[in-house]
C-alpha atoms as a PDB file:
ATOM      1  CA  MET A   1       0.639  -0.356   0.406  1.00  0.00           C
ATOM      2  CA  PRO A   2       1.186   3.361  -1.248  1.00  0.00           C
ATOM      3  CA  VAL A   3       2.397   5.686   2.020  1.00  0.00           C
ATOM      4  CA  ALA A   4       0.460   8.388   2.698  1.00  0.00           C
ATOM      5  CA  GLY A   5       2.270  12.201   0.940  1.00  0.00           C
ATOM      6  CA  LYS A   6       5.299   9.650  -0.075  1.00  0.00           C
ATOM      7  CA  GLY A   7       5.742  11.279  -3.189  1.00  0.00           C
ATOM      8  CA  LEU A   8       5.135  14.757  -1.738  1.00  0.00           C
ATOM      9  CA  CYS A   9       8.936  14.360   0.491  1.00  0.00           C
ATOM     10  CA  LYS A  10      11.378  15.242  -3.091  1.00  0.00           C
ATOM     11  CA  ARG A  11       9.324  18.886  -2.380  1.00  0.00           C
ATOM     12  CA  PHE A  12      11.261  19.032   0.905  1.00  0.00           C
ATOM     13  CA  ARG A  13      14.357  21.869   0.093  1.00  0.00           C
ATOM     14  CA  GLN A  14      16.762  22.803   2.808  1.00  0.00           C
ATOM     15  CA  VAL A  15      17.452  26.548   3.372  1.00  0.00           C
ATOM     16  CA  ALA A  16      21.143  27.023   3.073  1.00  0.00           C
ATOM     17  CA  GLY A  17      22.967  27.261   6.384  1.00  0.00           C
ATOM     18  CA  SER A  18      19.742  27.157   8.555  1.00  0.00           C
ATOM     19  CA  GLY A  19      17.954  23.883   9.725  1.00  0.00           C
ATOM     20  CA  GLU A  20      14.775  25.285   7.988  1.00  0.00           C
ATOM     21  CA  PHE A  21      12.959  23.293   5.470  1.00  0.00           C
ATOM     22  CA  VAL A  22      10.599  24.889   2.794  1.00  0.00           C
ATOM     23  CA  PHE A  23       7.103  23.177   1.533  1.00  0.00           C
ATOM     24  CA  HIS A  24       4.887  24.709  -0.572  1.00  0.00           C
ATOM     25  CA  GLY A  25       6.232  28.410   0.606  1.00  0.00           C
ATOM     26  CA  ALA A  26       5.989  26.837   4.193  1.00  0.00           C
ATOM     27  CA  VAL A  27       8.860  27.005   6.543  1.00  0.00           C
ATOM     28  CA  PHE A  28       9.418  24.150   8.724  1.00  0.00           C
ATOM     29  CA  LEU A  29      11.831  23.555  11.582  1.00  0.00           C
ATOM     30  CA  ALA A  30      14.350  20.658  11.631  1.00  0.00           C
ATOM     31  CA  THR A  31      15.698  19.039  14.897  1.00  0.00           C
ATOM     32  CA  SER A  32      18.542  17.927  13.391  1.00  0.00           C
ATOM     33  CA  GLY A  33      20.477  19.294  10.032  1.00  0.00           C
ATOM     34  CA  ARG A  34      22.565  15.788   9.039  1.00  0.00           C
ATOM     35  CA  HIS A  35      20.042  14.512   6.262  1.00  0.00           C
ATOM     36  CA  GLU A  36      19.689  16.052   3.279  1.00  0.00           C
ATOM     37  CA  GLN A  37      15.744  15.154   2.262  1.00  0.00           C
ATOM     38  CA  GLY A  38      12.704  14.658   4.204  1.00  0.00           C
ATOM     39  CA  GLU A  39      11.084  11.270   4.179  1.00  0.00           C
ATOM     40  CA  ALA A  40       7.777   9.852   5.149  1.00  0.00           C
ATOM     41  CA  ARG A  41       6.942   7.698   8.154  1.00  0.00           C
ATOM     42  CA  GLU A  42       4.955   4.424   7.264  1.00  0.00           C
ATOM     43  CA  ASP A  43       2.471   6.319   9.232  1.00  0.00           C
ATOM     44  CA  GLY A  44       1.819   8.947   7.134  1.00  0.00           C
ATOM     45  CA  ILE A  45       3.630  11.753   8.855  1.00  0.00           C
ATOM     46  CA  PHE A  46       6.845  13.323   7.200  1.00  0.00           C
ATOM     47  CA  GLY A  47       9.975  13.001   9.438  1.00  0.00           C
ATOM     48  CA  TYR A  48      13.390  14.443   9.090  1.00  0.00           C
ATOM     49  CA  GLY A  49      15.551  11.403   8.744  1.00  0.00           C
ATOM     50  CA  ALA A  50      15.143   9.454  12.152  1.00  0.00           C
ATOM     51  CA  ASN A  51      13.016  12.768  13.381  1.00  0.00           C
ATOM     52  CA  VAL A  52       9.781  14.373  13.066  1.00  0.00           C
ATOM     53  CA  MET A  53       9.860  18.108  11.989  1.00  0.00           C
ATOM     54  CA  ASN A  54       8.233  20.476  13.677  1.00  0.00           C
ATOM     55  CA  ALA A  55       6.766  23.858  12.146  1.00  0.00           C
ATOM     56  CA  ALA A  56       8.086  26.904  13.784  1.00  0.00           C
ATOM     57  CA  ARG A  57       5.943  27.975  16.522  1.00  0.00           C
ATOM     58  CA  ASP A  58       4.506  31.167  16.024  1.00  0.00           C
ATOM     59  CA  ALA A  59       3.430  30.334  12.761  1.00  0.00           C
ATOM     60  CA  PHE A  60       1.383  27.369  14.185  1.00  0.00           C
ATOM     61  CA  ILE A  61      -0.085  29.915  16.882  1.00  0.00           C
ATOM     62  CA  GLU A  62      -1.163  32.051  14.123  1.00  0.00           C
ATOM     63  CA  ALA A  63      -2.950  29.350  11.571  1.00  0.00           C
ATOM     64  CA  MET A  64      -4.847  27.915  15.040  1.00  0.00           C
ATOM     65  CA  ARG A  65      -5.838  30.945  15.591  1.00  0.00           C
ATOM     66  CA  GLN A  66      -8.411  30.727  12.341  1.00  0.00           C
ATOM     67  CA  VAL A  67      -9.367  26.970  13.660  1.00  0.00           C
ATOM     68  CA  ALA A  68     -13.078  27.963  15.678  1.00  0.00           C
ATOM     69  CA  ALA A  69     -13.344  26.176  18.382  1.00  0.00           C
ATOM     70  CA  THR A  70     -16.312  25.033  20.831  1.00  0.00           C
ATOM     71  CA  VAL A  71     -15.667  27.125  24.385  1.00  0.00           C
ATOM     72  CA  THR A  72     -16.149  25.180  27.006  1.00  0.00           C
ATOM     73  CA  VAL A  73     -15.670  25.089  31.421  1.00  0.00           C
ATOM     74  CA  VAL A  74     -14.298  21.731  32.396  1.00  0.00           C
ATOM     75  CA  THR A  75     -15.314  21.365  36.159  1.00  0.00           C
ATOM     76  CA  THR A  76     -14.527  18.758  38.990  1.00  0.00           C
ATOM     77  CA  ASP A  77     -15.548  17.957  42.124  1.00  0.00           C
ATOM     78  CA  GLY A  78     -13.927  15.413  44.491  1.00  0.00           C
ATOM     79  CA  PRO A  79     -11.288  14.908  47.242  1.00  0.00           C
ATOM     80  CA  ALA A  80      -9.167  17.447  45.949  1.00  0.00           C
ATOM     81  CA  GLY A  81     -12.120  20.355  45.512  1.00  0.00           C
ATOM     82  CA  GLN A  82     -14.415  21.925  43.690  1.00  0.00           C
ATOM     83  CA  MET A  83     -12.619  23.869  40.043  1.00  0.00           C
ATOM     84  CA  GLY A  84     -13.457  25.508  36.958  1.00  0.00           C
ATOM     85  CA  ALA A  85     -11.366  26.478  33.778  1.00  0.00           C
ATOM     86  CA  THR A  86     -12.595  27.754  30.511  1.00  0.00           C
ATOM     87  CA  VAL A  87     -11.303  25.694  28.024  1.00  0.00           C
ATOM     88  CA  SER A  88     -11.655  24.978  24.340  1.00  0.00           C
ATOM     89  CA  ALA A  89      -9.217  22.093  23.101  1.00  0.00           C
ATOM     90  CA  PHE A  90     -12.282  19.308  23.392  1.00  0.00           C
ATOM     91  CA  THR A  91     -13.435  16.899  21.129  1.00  0.00           C
ATOM     92  CA  SER A  92     -15.317  13.923  21.144  1.00  0.00           C
ATOM     93  CA  LEU A  93     -13.670  10.785  21.266  1.00  0.00           C
ATOM     94  CA  SER A  94     -14.948   7.716  20.249  1.00  0.00           C
ATOM     95  CA  ALA A  95     -19.186   6.316  20.714  1.00  0.00           C
ATOM     96  CA  ASP A  96     -17.937   2.652  21.802  1.00  0.00           C
ATOM     97  CA  PRO A  97     -17.428   3.559  24.881  1.00  0.00           C
ATOM     98  CA  PRO A  98     -18.720   7.249  24.870  1.00  0.00           C
ATOM     99  CA  SER A  99     -15.472   8.976  25.004  1.00  0.00           C
ATOM    100  CA  VAL A 100     -14.311  12.697  25.065  1.00  0.00           C
ATOM    101  CA  LEU A 101     -11.159  14.147  25.696  1.00  0.00           C
ATOM    102  CA  VAL A 102      -9.745  17.921  26.604  1.00  0.00           C
ATOM    103  CA  CYS A 103      -6.089  19.006  26.525  1.00  0.00           C
ATOM    104  CA  LEU A 104      -5.356  21.018  29.646  1.00  0.00           C
ATOM    105  CA  LYS A 105      -1.930  22.275  30.235  1.00  0.00           C
ATOM    106  CA  SER A 106      -0.008  20.317  32.806  1.00  0.00           C
ATOM    107  CA  ASP A 107       1.125  22.283  35.419  1.00  0.00           C
ATOM    108  CA  SER A 108      -2.690  24.790  35.704  1.00  0.00           C
ATOM    109  CA  ARG A 109      -4.377  24.106  38.814  1.00  0.00           C
ATOM    110  CA  ILE A 110      -7.351  21.993  36.790  1.00  0.00           C
ATOM    111  CA  ALA A 111      -5.113  19.489  35.272  1.00  0.00           C
ATOM    112  CA  ARG A 112      -3.640  18.297  39.287  1.00  0.00           C
ATOM    113  CA  ALA A 113      -7.874  18.944  40.382  1.00  0.00           C
ATOM    114  CA  VAL A 114      -9.217  16.858  37.484  1.00  0.00           C
ATOM    115  CA  GLY A 115      -6.160  13.985  38.013  1.00  0.00           C
ATOM    116  CA  ASP A 116      -6.558  14.041  42.110  1.00  0.00           C
ATOM    117  CA  ASN A 117     -10.284  13.887  41.824  1.00  0.00           C
ATOM    118  CA  GLY A 118     -10.388  11.182  39.261  1.00  0.00           C
ATOM    119  CA  ALA A 119     -13.242  12.906  36.989  1.00  0.00           C
ATOM    120  CA  PHE A 120     -14.254  16.247  35.062  1.00  0.00           C
ATOM    121  CA  CYS A 121     -18.032  17.533  33.667  1.00  0.00           C
ATOM    122  CA  VAL A 122     -17.330  18.952  30.424  1.00  0.00           C
ATOM    123  CA  ASN A 123     -19.804  22.661  30.228  1.00  0.00           C
ATOM    124  CA  VAL A 124     -20.173  23.685  26.142  1.00  0.00           C
ATOM    125  CA  LEU A 125     -20.973  26.565  26.345  1.00  0.00           C
ATOM    126  CA  PRO A 126     -24.067  28.542  25.350  1.00  0.00           C
ATOM    127  CA  GLU A 127     -23.451  31.627  22.828  1.00  0.00           C
ATOM    128  CA  ASP A 128     -23.881  34.076  24.942  1.00  0.00           C
ATOM    129  CA  ALA A 129     -21.863  33.405  27.524  1.00  0.00           C
ATOM    130  CA  ASP A 130     -18.658  35.044  27.339  1.00  0.00           C
ATOM    131  CA  ASP A 131     -19.202  36.557  30.052  1.00  0.00           C
ATOM    132  CA  LEU A 132     -18.957  33.434  31.920  1.00  0.00           C
ATOM    133  CA  ALA A 133     -16.026  32.091  29.517  1.00  0.00           C
ATOM    134  CA  ARG A 134     -14.506  35.176  30.785  1.00  0.00           C
ATOM    135  CA  ALA A 135     -14.345  34.538  34.249  1.00  0.00           C
ATOM    136  CA  PHE A 136     -13.569  31.014  34.323  1.00  0.00           C
ATOM    137  CA  ALA A 137     -10.747  31.919  32.437  1.00  0.00           C
ATOM    138  CA  GLY A 138      -9.987  34.216  35.402  1.00  0.00           C
ATOM    139  CA  ALA A 139     -10.730  37.770  33.472  1.00  0.00           C
ATOM    140  CA  PHE A 140     -12.792  38.208  37.666  1.00  0.00           C
ATOM    141  CA  ASP A 141     -10.489  36.331  40.457  1.00  0.00           C
ATOM    142  CA  ALA A 142      -9.408  39.394  41.614  1.00  0.00           C
ATOM    143  CA  GLN A 143     -12.800  40.911  41.739  1.00  0.00           C
ATOM    144  CA  ARG A 144     -14.491  37.325  42.676  1.00  0.00           C
ATOM    145  CA  PRO A 145     -12.107  34.647  42.915  1.00  0.00           C
ATOM    146  CA  ASP A 146     -15.097  31.922  43.639  1.00  0.00           C
ATOM    147  CA  ARG A 147     -15.667  31.397  39.910  1.00  0.00           C
ATOM    148  CA  PHE A 148     -19.147  29.186  41.012  1.00  0.00           C
ATOM    149  CA  HIS A 149     -20.458  32.402  43.069  1.00  0.00           C
ATOM    150  CA  GLY A 150     -24.013  33.476  41.837  1.00  0.00           C
ATOM    151  CA  LEU A 151     -24.254  30.274  39.744  1.00  0.00           C
ATOM    152  CA  ASP A 152     -26.850  28.275  39.780  1.00  0.00           C
ATOM    153  CA  VAL A 153     -25.164  25.102  38.785  1.00  0.00           C
ATOM    154  CA  MET A 154     -26.331  21.626  39.449  1.00  0.00           C
ATOM    155  CA  ALA A 155     -23.724  19.760  41.671  1.00  0.00           C
ATOM    156  CA  THR A 156     -22.386  16.015  40.599  1.00  0.00           C
ATOM    157  CA  GLU A 157     -19.819  13.801  41.985  1.00  0.00           C
ATOM    158  CA  PHE A 158     -17.696  15.054  38.316  1.00  0.00           C
ATOM    159  CA  GLY A 159     -18.206  18.683  39.231  1.00  0.00           C
ATOM    160  CA  PRO A 160     -20.946  21.337  38.930  1.00  0.00           C
ATOM    161  CA  VAL A 161     -22.934  21.612  35.164  1.00  0.00           C
ATOM    162  CA  LEU A 162     -23.439  25.045  34.733  1.00  0.00           C
ATOM    163  CA  PRO A 163     -26.596  27.037  33.525  1.00  0.00           C
ATOM    164  CA  ARG A 164     -27.750  26.143  30.092  1.00  0.00           C
ATOM    165  CA  ALA A 165     -24.544  24.142  28.907  1.00  0.00           C
ATOM    166  CA  THR A 166     -25.075  20.806  27.105  1.00  0.00           C
ATOM    167  CA  ALA A 167     -22.444  18.562  30.081  1.00  0.00           C
ATOM    168  CA  PHE A 168     -20.764  15.440  29.801  1.00  0.00           C
ATOM    169  CA  THR A 169     -20.392  14.078  33.141  1.00  0.00           C
ATOM    170  CA  CYS A 170     -16.648  11.750  32.853  1.00  0.00           C
ATOM    171  CA  THR A 171     -14.399   9.892  35.136  1.00  0.00           C
ATOM    172  CA  LEU A 172     -10.823  10.063  34.509  1.00  0.00           C
ATOM    173  CA  GLN A 173      -9.548   6.880  32.390  1.00  0.00           C
ATOM    174  CA  ARG A 174      -5.723   8.273  30.801  1.00  0.00           C
ATOM    175  CA  SER A 175      -4.056  10.894  31.088  1.00  0.00           C
ATOM    176  CA  VAL A 176      -1.111  11.367  28.445  1.00  0.00           C
ATOM    177  CA  GLY A 177       1.102  14.208  28.852  1.00  0.00           C
ATOM    178  CA  HIS A 178       2.479  15.914  25.142  1.00  0.00           C
ATOM    179  CA  GLY A 179       4.442  18.742  25.313  1.00  0.00           C
ATOM    180  CA  THR A 180       2.784  21.871  28.103  1.00  0.00           C
ATOM    181  CA  HIS A 181      -0.407  19.650  28.316  1.00  0.00           C
ATOM    182  CA  ALA A 182      -2.261  16.692  29.675  1.00  0.00           C
ATOM    183  CA  ILE A 183      -4.683  14.965  27.223  1.00  0.00           C
ATOM    184  CA  CYS A 184      -6.758  13.722  29.542  1.00  0.00           C
ATOM    185  CA  ILE A 185      -9.252  11.040  28.578  1.00  0.00           C
ATOM    186  CA  GLY A 186     -13.027  10.492  30.008  1.00  0.00           C
ATOM    187  CA  ALA A 187     -15.635   7.948  30.143  1.00  0.00           C
ATOM    188  CA  VAL A 188     -18.926   9.187  30.167  1.00  0.00           C
ATOM    189  CA  THR A 189     -21.373   9.101  32.301  1.00  0.00           C
ATOM    190  CA  GLY A 190     -24.124  11.091  31.950  1.00  0.00           C
ATOM    191  CA  ILE A 191     -25.022  13.651  29.333  1.00  0.00           C
ATOM    192  CA  SER A 192     -27.221  17.103  29.809  1.00  0.00           C
ATOM    193  CA  ASN A 193     -28.255  18.739  26.427  1.00  0.00           C
ATOM    194  CA  ALA A 194     -29.229  21.831  26.519  1.00  0.00           C
ATOM    195  CA  GLY A 195     -30.066  22.047  22.807  1.00  0.00           C
ATOM    196  CA  GLN A 196     -28.719  25.647  22.287  1.00  0.00           C
ATOM    197  CA  ALA A 197     -26.530  27.363  20.364  1.00  0.00           C
ATOM    198  CA  PRO A 198     -22.687  27.069  20.786  1.00  0.00           C
ATOM    199  CA  LEU A 199     -20.071  30.011  22.219  1.00  0.00           C
ATOM    200  CA  THR A 200     -16.777  29.292  19.545  1.00  0.00           C
ATOM    201  CA  TYR A 201     -14.013  31.372  19.500  1.00  0.00           C
ATOM    202  CA  MET A 202     -11.244  31.763  16.706  1.00  0.00           C
ATOM    203  CA  GLN A 203      -8.742  34.898  16.034  1.00  0.00           C
ATOM    204  CA  GLY A 204      -8.358  35.793  19.631  1.00  0.00           C
ATOM    205  CA  ASP A 205     -12.578  36.666  20.157  1.00  0.00           C
ATOM    206  CA  PHE A 206     -15.660  34.585  20.482  1.00  0.00           C
ATOM    207  CA  HIS A 207     -18.381  33.658  17.296  1.00  0.00           C
ATOM    208  CA  VAL A 208     -21.443  32.379  17.257  1.00  0.00           C
ATOM    209  CA  VAL A 209     -22.406  30.321  14.647  1.00  0.00           C
ATOM    210  CA  ARG A 210     -24.906  30.546  12.131  1.00  0.00           C
ATOM    211  CA  ARG A 211     -26.368  28.479   9.495  1.00  0.00           C
ATOM    212  CA  LYS A 212     -24.957  29.502   5.767  1.00  0.00           C
ATOM    213  CA  SER A 213     -27.656  31.036   4.227  1.00  0.00           C
ATOM    214  CA  GLY A 214     -29.037  29.153   1.449  1.00  0.00           C
ATOM    215  CA  GLY A 215     -27.605  25.338   2.505  1.00  0.00           C
END
């Protein structure tokens, strides 16, 4: 079976005297400069010799700003206490069995609390909840240290369900460290489907989702 992208490897060219490579105008940073051309690994990921090529960090961040993400608040409760934080790195993982994953900064309080409690709740915020998203991102912590203050939440053993949020309560099945983040895999134990249009985040600001006209 042909390896995905294998024919494209020859289109990499090295920038003279540097560890940078150019592919269709995009700049990549190689982890080593000992080889003359890139190779494709059997899993289809472009590699540079025996090492994996890494995209330039600033270019990666700028490109990711164009990716719309659903805004969620991950909450947790248990022996380590109740906590919540705004998170955009959330996705479904499997329907058999129902599973989701969230990515949390490894050295954050929410990551430590989720790990210690062994449970969490993902709250998908409704489109008008941008102030709530800012609150759980810490924007008002100086004035209101308790992020849950004044909220009509539904308490669960996994973490609070926030008002009008579509929520997934989960037990923590596995946490995998990668770079600066922990990839937390949760087995979904319960669902609260609020049926609300979600709040999204893109290009450094909040957005709402609308059906394309004529679609």
